[in-house]
Amino acid sequence: MEIAVVGTPEFTLGFQLAGITRILNPPNEEDMQNDLRQLLNDKEVGIVVIDSEDLLKLPDRLRIQLSDSISPTFLGIGTTEDTTLRESIRKAIGVDLWK
């Protein structure tokens, strides 16, 4: 299983330096939505990392599809507080580790 990272070149640079090769830098929101839909159906990808700010900009329907996906798991990370990772862990193991 691969890890994929989607976002701006500034966001994905650290992941590239860490050795992740599946990097997508869509130039606009429409291309980002298309890339995320393709990753949603890609059986080779186990985890997709996306900037939490970009995740919040997505249409509600797509955001719900991504958050409900088990494989691949979509993780929103960034500087803004986001509960995506917390909810993903809670769904996967059935326990809220932050309590």
Protein backbone atom coordinates (compact mmCIF):
# COMPACT_ATOMS: atom_id res chain seq x y z
CA MET A 1 0.00 0.00 0.00
CA GLU A 2 1.19 3.47 -0.88
CA ILE A 3 0.88 6.82 0.85
CA ALA A 4 -0.29 9.68 -1.36
CA VAL A 5 -0.06 13.38 -0.56
CA VAL A 6 -2.27 16.00 -2.23
CA GLY A 7 -1.77 19.74 -1.96
CA THR A 8 0.34 22.72 -2.86
CA PRO A 9 4.03 22.25 -3.58
CA GLU A 10 4.82 23.94 -0.25
CA PHE A 11 2.62 21.44 1.63
CA THR A 12 3.93 18.36 -0.16
CA LEU A 13 7.65 19.26 -0.10
CA GLY A 14 8.33 17.80 3.35
CA PHE A 15 6.66 14.54 2.36
CA GLN A 16 8.79 14.37 -0.78
CA LEU A 17 11.92 14.87 1.32
CA ALA A 18 10.74 12.02 3.57
CA GLY A 19 10.68 9.72 0.54
CA ILE A 20 7.00 9.64 -0.41
CA THR A 21 6.76 9.44 -4.17
CA ARG A 22 3.00 9.60 -4.78
CA ILE A 23 2.69 13.40 -4.73
CA LEU A 24 -0.11 15.32 -6.44
CA ASN A 25 0.00 19.12 -6.81
CA PRO A 26 -3.30 20.06 -8.46
CA PRO A 27 -3.28 23.65 -9.80
CA ASN A 28 -6.89 24.42 -8.86
CA GLU A 29 -9.81 23.18 -6.75
CA GLU A 30 -11.50 21.32 -9.62
CA ASP A 31 -8.34 19.33 -10.37
CA MET A 32 -7.94 18.62 -6.64
CA GLN A 33 -11.46 17.21 -6.48
CA ASN A 34 -10.76 15.02 -9.53
CA ASP A 35 -7.46 13.78 -8.04
CA LEU A 36 -9.15 12.94 -4.73
CA ARG A 37 -11.93 11.04 -6.50
CA GLN A 38 -9.34 9.01 -8.42
CA LEU A 39 -7.44 8.25 -5.21
CA LEU A 40 -10.69 7.19 -3.55
CA ASN A 41 -10.95 4.36 -6.09
CA ASP A 42 -7.23 3.49 -6.24
CA LYS A 43 -6.65 0.11 -4.53
CA GLU A 44 -2.88 0.71 -4.36
CA VAL A 45 -3.24 3.68 -1.99
CA GLY A 46 -3.80 3.09 1.73
CA ILE A 47 -3.42 6.60 3.14
CA VAL A 48 -4.02 9.98 1.53
CA VAL A 49 -2.70 13.07 3.30
CA ILE A 50 -4.27 16.43 2.49
CA ASP A 51 -4.00 19.89 4.03
CA SER A 52 -6.92 20.33 6.43
CA GLU A 53 -7.66 23.76 4.95
CA ASP A 54 -8.01 22.21 1.48
CA LEU A 55 -10.22 19.50 2.94
CA LEU A 56 -12.59 22.10 4.35
CA LYS A 57 -12.92 23.76 0.93
CA LEU A 58 -14.25 20.59 -0.70
CA PRO A 59 -17.95 20.15 -1.45
CA ASP A 60 -19.85 18.52 1.42
CA ARG A 61 -20.68 15.36 -0.52
CA LEU A 62 -17.04 14.68 -1.46
CA ARG A 63 -15.83 15.52 2.05
CA ILE A 64 -18.30 13.00 3.50
CA GLN A 65 -17.17 10.34 1.01
CA LEU A 66 -13.55 10.92 2.02
CA SER A 67 -14.22 10.86 5.75
CA ASP A 68 -16.28 7.65 5.43
CA SER A 69 -13.58 5.90 3.40
CA ILE A 70 -11.68 3.19 5.26
CA SER A 71 -9.29 2.23 2.47
CA PRO A 72 -7.80 4.57 1.58
CA THR A 73 -7.94 6.60 4.76
CA PHE A 74 -7.92 10.35 4.17
CA LEU A 75 -6.06 12.40 6.77
CA GLY A 76 -6.36 16.17 6.95
CA ILE A 77 -3.35 17.72 8.62
CA GLY A 78 -2.22 21.29 8.99
CA THR A 79 -1.95 24.26 11.28
CA THR A 80 -5.67 24.65 11.90
CA GLU A 81 -7.35 22.41 14.46
CA ASP A 82 -9.09 19.53 12.77
CA THR A 83 -10.72 16.42 14.17
CA THR A 84 -10.37 14.34 10.99
CA LEU A 85 -7.48 12.27 12.34
CA ARG A 86 -9.20 11.83 15.69
CA GLU A 87 -12.43 10.67 14.05
CA SER A 88 -10.57 8.32 11.69
CA ILE A 89 -8.80 6.63 14.60
CA ARG A 90 -12.04 6.41 16.57
CA LYS A 91 -13.81 4.76 13.62
CA ALA A 92 -10.95 2.34 12.97
CA ILE A 93 -10.45 1.08 16.53
CA GLY A 94 -13.68 2.11 18.22
CA VAL A 95 -11.96 4.11 20.98
CA ASP A 96 -11.38 7.84 21.36
CA LEU A 97 -7.68 8.01 22.26
CA TRP A 98 -7.90 11.69 23.24
CA LYS A 99 -10.10 10.94 26.29
